[in-house]
């Protein structure tokens, strides 16, 4: 084969591989959120709106997700992260009720369980969040999708696991 033909042949071979990779990427990005292994047991994340910040900073409290859902009655009223709690403690708000440092329910950035992986990735990128609440068709929170879980799932898909 002459050198003049080499880039043409090599390029066409890469073109075929690119089509396969693009197809895989497109299929992965269109997977629905409800097909992912996100956290759906919300009971362990719920705390009463009557709690104070200091209650949640106790070393005895183990919450590996770093997130709490603030509940009043049977309604989720807000969400608070470890970062919110530490910031409240550092600004002398440790004896304040948890509602004082939480993100109100109306301000949540969420994904729907019928949204695609592509939508979740764009929200994670746009807002730099570590976790997104997942809503069902009725607008109720059904789970929490951590960014790390999504990235691990993506890696597994790309590696064929």
C-alpha atoms as a PDB file:
ATOM      1  CA  UNK A   1       0.000   0.000   0.000  1.00  0.00           C
ATOM      2  CA  UNK A   2       1.373   3.394  -0.911  1.00  0.00           C
ATOM      3  CA  UNK A   3       1.691   6.127   1.692  1.00  0.00           C
ATOM      4  CA  UNK A   4      -0.874   8.192  -0.185  1.00  0.00           C
ATOM      5  CA  UNK A   5      -3.574   5.547   0.412  1.00  0.00           C
ATOM      6  CA  UNK A   6      -2.727   4.918   4.088  1.00  0.00           C
ATOM      7  CA  UNK A   7      -4.620   7.914   5.572  1.00  0.00           C
ATOM      8  CA  UNK A   8      -7.672   7.063   3.463  1.00  0.00           C
ATOM      9  CA  UNK A   9      -7.817   3.423   4.607  1.00  0.00           C
ATOM     10  CA  UNK A  10      -6.928   4.222   8.211  1.00  0.00           C
ATOM     11  CA  UNK A  11      -9.456   7.050   8.268  1.00  0.00           C
ATOM     12  CA  UNK A  12     -12.293   4.888   6.969  1.00  0.00           C
ATOM     13  CA  UNK A  13     -11.521   2.244   9.590  1.00  0.00           C
ATOM     14  CA  UNK A  14     -11.684   4.875  12.336  1.00  0.00           C
ATOM     15  CA  UNK A  15     -14.907   6.148  10.835  1.00  0.00           C
ATOM     16  CA  UNK A  16     -16.536   2.749  11.359  1.00  0.00           C
ATOM     17  CA  UNK A  17     -15.319   2.624  14.956  1.00  0.00           C
ATOM     18  CA  UNK A  18     -16.582   6.147  15.516  1.00  0.00           C
ATOM     19  CA  UNK A  19     -20.059   5.114  14.321  1.00  0.00           C
ATOM     20  CA  UNK A  20     -20.072   2.228  16.827  1.00  0.00           C
ATOM     21  CA  UNK A  21     -18.902   4.495  19.678  1.00  0.00           C
ATOM     22  CA  UNK A  22     -21.387   7.224  18.756  1.00  0.00           C
ATOM     23  CA  UNK A  23     -24.192   4.641  18.669  1.00  0.00           C
ATOM     24  CA  UNK A  24     -23.208   3.295  22.103  1.00  0.00           C
ATOM     25  CA  UNK A  25     -22.962   6.825  23.502  1.00  0.00           C
ATOM     26  CA  UNK A  26     -26.401   7.709  22.133  1.00  0.00           C
ATOM     27  CA  UNK A  27     -27.980   4.551  23.592  1.00  0.00           C
ATOM     28  CA  UNK A  28     -26.414   5.175  27.015  1.00  0.00           C
ATOM     29  CA  UNK A  29     -27.477   8.826  27.120  1.00  0.00           C
ATOM     30  CA  UNK A  30     -31.086   7.876  26.347  1.00  0.00           C
ATOM     31  CA  UNK A  31     -31.424   5.422  29.263  1.00  0.00           C
ATOM     32  CA  UNK A  32     -34.152   6.554  31.665  1.00  0.00           C
ATOM     33  CA  UNK A  33     -33.327   7.522  35.253  1.00  0.00           C
ATOM     34  CA  UNK A  34     -35.668   4.863  36.685  1.00  0.00           C
ATOM     35  CA  UNK A  35     -33.358   2.225  35.131  1.00  0.00           C
ATOM     36  CA  UNK A  36     -30.374   3.394  37.230  1.00  0.00           C
ATOM     37  CA  UNK A  37     -29.393   2.037  40.664  1.00  0.00           C
ATOM     38  CA  UNK A  38     -30.172   5.174  42.691  1.00  0.00           C
ATOM     39  CA  UNK A  39     -31.085   5.366  46.388  1.00  0.00           C
ATOM     40  CA  UNK A  40     -34.800   4.820  46.934  1.00  0.00           C
ATOM     41  CA  UNK A  41     -34.964   4.185  50.700  1.00  0.00           C
ATOM     42  CA  UNK A  42     -35.722   7.736  51.825  1.00  0.00           C
ATOM     43  CA  UNK A  43     -36.737   6.894  55.408  1.00  0.00           C
ATOM     44  CA  UNK A  44     -33.122   6.877  56.591  1.00  0.00           C
ATOM     45  CA  UNK A  45     -32.597  10.358  55.090  1.00  0.00           C
ATOM     46  CA  UNK A  46     -35.636  11.997  56.679  1.00  0.00           C
ATOM     47  CA  UNK A  47     -35.378  14.299  59.674  1.00  0.00           C
ATOM     48  CA  UNK A  48     -37.982  16.335  61.501  1.00  0.00           C
ATOM     49  CA  UNK A  49     -38.265  20.053  60.848  1.00  0.00           C
ATOM     50  CA  UNK A  50     -38.122  20.533  64.626  1.00  0.00           C
ATOM     51  CA  UNK A  51     -34.489  19.355  64.819  1.00  0.00           C
ATOM     52  CA  UNK A  52     -31.726  21.879  65.331  1.00  0.00           C
ATOM     53  CA  UNK A  53     -28.510  22.018  63.314  1.00  0.00           C
ATOM     54  CA  UNK A  54     -26.425  20.721  66.223  1.00  0.00           C
ATOM     55  CA  UNK A  55     -28.526  17.515  66.364  1.00  0.00           C
ATOM     56  CA  UNK A  56     -27.347  16.567  62.892  1.00  0.00           C
ATOM     57  CA  UNK A  57     -23.683  17.340  63.467  1.00  0.00           C
ATOM     58  CA  UNK A  58     -23.388  14.661  66.133  1.00  0.00           C
ATOM     59  CA  UNK A  59     -20.671  12.081  65.369  1.00  0.00           C
ATOM     60  CA  UNK A  60     -23.182   9.351  66.299  1.00  0.00           C
ATOM     61  CA  UNK A  61     -25.333  10.272  63.306  1.00  0.00           C
ATOM     62  CA  UNK A  62     -24.229   8.299  60.299  1.00  0.00           C
ATOM     63  CA  UNK A  63     -25.538   9.415  56.963  1.00  0.00           C
ATOM     64  CA  UNK A  64     -23.170   8.452  54.185  1.00  0.00           C
ATOM     65  CA  UNK A  65     -25.174  10.306  51.549  1.00  0.00           C
ATOM     66  CA  UNK A  66     -24.415  13.675  53.160  1.00  0.00           C
ATOM     67  CA  UNK A  67     -28.008  14.718  52.578  1.00  0.00           C
ATOM     68  CA  UNK A  68     -31.139  14.982  54.703  1.00  0.00           C
ATOM     69  CA  UNK A  69     -34.745  15.515  53.662  1.00  0.00           C
ATOM     70  CA  UNK A  70     -36.508  17.830  56.111  1.00  0.00           C
ATOM     71  CA  UNK A  71     -39.993  16.561  56.885  1.00  0.00           C
ATOM     72  CA  UNK A  72     -42.938  18.331  58.480  1.00  0.00           C
ATOM     73  CA  UNK A  73     -45.898  15.991  58.997  1.00  0.00           C
ATOM     74  CA  UNK A  74     -45.806  13.749  55.943  1.00  0.00           C
ATOM     75  CA  UNK A  75     -44.503  16.431  53.574  1.00  0.00           C
ATOM     76  CA  UNK A  76     -40.899  16.969  52.498  1.00  0.00           C
ATOM     77  CA  UNK A  77     -40.285  20.642  53.181  1.00  0.00           C
ATOM     78  CA  UNK A  78     -36.637  20.986  52.309  1.00  0.00           C
ATOM     79  CA  UNK A  79     -33.246  19.436  51.803  1.00  0.00           C
ATOM     80  CA  UNK A  80     -30.064  20.053  53.753  1.00  0.00           C
ATOM     81  CA  UNK A  81     -26.532  18.853  52.985  1.00  0.00           C
ATOM     82  CA  UNK A  82     -23.519  18.360  55.216  1.00  0.00           C
ATOM     83  CA  UNK A  83     -22.090  21.554  53.687  1.00  0.00           C
ATOM     84  CA  UNK A  84     -25.210  23.510  54.732  1.00  0.00           C
ATOM     85  CA  UNK A  85     -24.896  22.154  58.265  1.00  0.00           C
ATOM     86  CA  UNK A  86     -21.217  23.008  58.589  1.00  0.00           C
ATOM     87  CA  UNK A  87     -21.796  26.494  57.240  1.00  0.00           C
ATOM     88  CA  UNK A  88     -24.614  27.021  59.760  1.00  0.00           C
ATOM     89  CA  UNK A  89     -22.402  25.792  62.597  1.00  0.00           C
ATOM     90  CA  UNK A  90     -19.564  28.112  61.583  1.00  0.00           C
ATOM     91  CA  UNK A  91     -21.896  31.117  61.520  1.00  0.00           C
ATOM     92  CA  UNK A  92     -23.299  30.530  65.005  1.00  0.00           C
ATOM     93  CA  UNK A  93     -26.574  29.035  63.802  1.00  0.00           C
ATOM     94  CA  UNK A  94     -26.006  25.622  65.388  1.00  0.00           C
ATOM     95  CA  UNK A  95     -28.950  26.080  67.750  1.00  0.00           C
ATOM     96  CA  UNK A  96     -31.308  27.182  64.953  1.00  0.00           C
ATOM     97  CA  UNK A  97     -34.017  24.923  63.599  1.00  0.00           C
ATOM     98  CA  UNK A  98     -32.969  22.930  60.580  1.00  0.00           C
ATOM     99  CA  UNK A  99     -35.390  24.828  58.323  1.00  0.00           C
ATOM    100  CA  UNK A 100     -33.211  27.916  58.700  1.00  0.00           C
ATOM    101  CA  UNK A 101     -30.400  26.402  56.634  1.00  0.00           C
ATOM    102  CA  UNK A 102     -32.203  24.061  54.253  1.00  0.00           C
ATOM    103  CA  UNK A 103     -33.094  24.516  50.616  1.00  0.00           C
ATOM    104  CA  UNK A 104     -36.897  24.849  50.432  1.00  0.00           C
ATOM    105  CA  UNK A 105     -38.772  22.199  48.439  1.00  0.00           C
ATOM    106  CA  UNK A 106     -39.824  24.775  45.821  1.00  0.00           C
ATOM    107  CA  UNK A 107     -36.167  25.495  44.980  1.00  0.00           C
ATOM    108  CA  UNK A 108     -35.020  21.901  44.438  1.00  0.00           C
ATOM    109  CA  UNK A 109     -33.311  21.135  41.160  1.00  0.00           C
ATOM    110  CA  UNK A 110     -34.597  17.669  40.318  1.00  0.00           C
ATOM    111  CA  UNK A 111     -34.789  14.993  37.654  1.00  0.00           C
ATOM    112  CA  UNK A 112     -37.883  12.991  36.832  1.00  0.00           C
ATOM    113  CA  UNK A 113     -37.624   9.219  36.830  1.00  0.00           C
ATOM    114  CA  UNK A 114     -38.582   9.334  33.134  1.00  0.00           C
ATOM    115  CA  UNK A 115     -35.770  11.780  32.263  1.00  0.00           C
ATOM    116  CA  UNK A 116     -32.682  10.549  30.459  1.00  0.00           C
ATOM    117  CA  UNK A 117     -29.119  10.087  31.671  1.00  0.00           C
ATOM    118  CA  UNK A 118     -28.203  12.954  29.350  1.00  0.00           C
ATOM    119  CA  UNK A 119     -30.552  15.307  31.272  1.00  0.00           C
ATOM    120  CA  UNK A 120     -29.094  14.250  34.624  1.00  0.00           C
ATOM    121  CA  UNK A 121     -25.540  14.762  33.363  1.00  0.00           C
ATOM    122  CA  UNK A 122     -26.378  18.243  32.106  1.00  0.00           C
ATOM    123  CA  UNK A 123     -27.900  19.189  35.492  1.00  0.00           C
ATOM    124  CA  UNK A 124     -24.883  17.866  37.375  1.00  0.00           C
ATOM    125  CA  UNK A 125     -22.605  19.850  35.083  1.00  0.00           C
ATOM    126  CA  UNK A 126     -24.693  23.039  35.154  1.00  0.00           C
ATOM    127  CA  UNK A 127     -25.168  23.180  38.932  1.00  0.00           C
ATOM    128  CA  UNK A 128     -22.131  21.280  40.297  1.00  0.00           C
ATOM    129  CA  UNK A 129     -24.389  19.245  42.595  1.00  0.00           C
ATOM    130  CA  UNK A 130     -23.372  15.933  44.129  1.00  0.00           C
ATOM    131  CA  UNK A 131     -26.925  14.604  44.346  1.00  0.00           C
ATOM    132  CA  UNK A 132     -30.265  15.167  42.629  1.00  0.00           C
ATOM    133  CA  UNK A 133     -33.698  14.266  44.002  1.00  0.00           C
ATOM    134  CA  UNK A 134     -35.652  11.989  41.641  1.00  0.00           C
ATOM    135  CA  UNK A 135     -39.374  12.687  41.182  1.00  0.00           C
ATOM    136  CA  UNK A 136     -42.127  10.397  39.950  1.00  0.00           C
ATOM    137  CA  UNK A 137     -44.943  11.436  37.594  1.00  0.00           C
ATOM    138  CA  UNK A 138     -46.924  12.884  40.521  1.00  0.00           C
ATOM    139  CA  UNK A 139     -43.992  15.105  41.535  1.00  0.00           C
ATOM    140  CA  UNK A 140     -43.195  13.104  44.668  1.00  0.00           C
ATOM    141  CA  UNK A 141     -39.584  12.387  45.606  1.00  0.00           C
ATOM    142  CA  UNK A 142     -38.883   8.705  45.003  1.00  0.00           C
ATOM    143  CA  UNK A 143     -35.128   8.692  45.467  1.00  0.00           C
ATOM    144  CA  UNK A 144     -31.793  10.441  45.379  1.00  0.00           C
ATOM    145  CA  UNK A 145     -29.394  10.093  42.441  1.00  0.00           C
ATOM    146  CA  UNK A 146     -25.780  10.690  43.542  1.00  0.00           C
ATOM    147  CA  UNK A 147     -23.387  11.930  40.855  1.00  0.00           C
ATOM    148  CA  UNK A 148     -20.905   9.185  41.827  1.00  0.00           C
ATOM    149  CA  UNK A 149     -23.516   6.477  41.212  1.00  0.00           C
ATOM    150  CA  UNK A 150     -24.266   7.886  37.763  1.00  0.00           C
ATOM    151  CA  UNK A 151     -20.585   8.137  36.853  1.00  0.00           C
ATOM    152  CA  UNK A 152     -19.910   4.582  38.053  1.00  0.00           C
ATOM    153  CA  UNK A 153     -22.869   3.313  36.047  1.00  0.00           C
ATOM    154  CA  UNK A 154     -21.622   5.170  32.948  1.00  0.00           C
ATOM    155  CA  UNK A 155     -18.163   3.671  33.356  1.00  0.00           C
ATOM    156  CA  UNK A 156     -19.627   0.173  33.634  1.00  0.00           C
ATOM    157  CA  UNK A 157     -21.704   0.727  30.493  1.00  0.00           C
ATOM    158  CA  UNK A 158     -18.741   1.986  28.498  1.00  0.00           C
ATOM    159  CA  UNK A 159     -16.561  -0.920  29.654  1.00  0.00           C
ATOM    160  CA  UNK A 160     -19.309  -3.426  28.917  1.00  0.00           C
ATOM    161  CA  UNK A 161     -19.788  -4.612  32.500  1.00  0.00           C
END
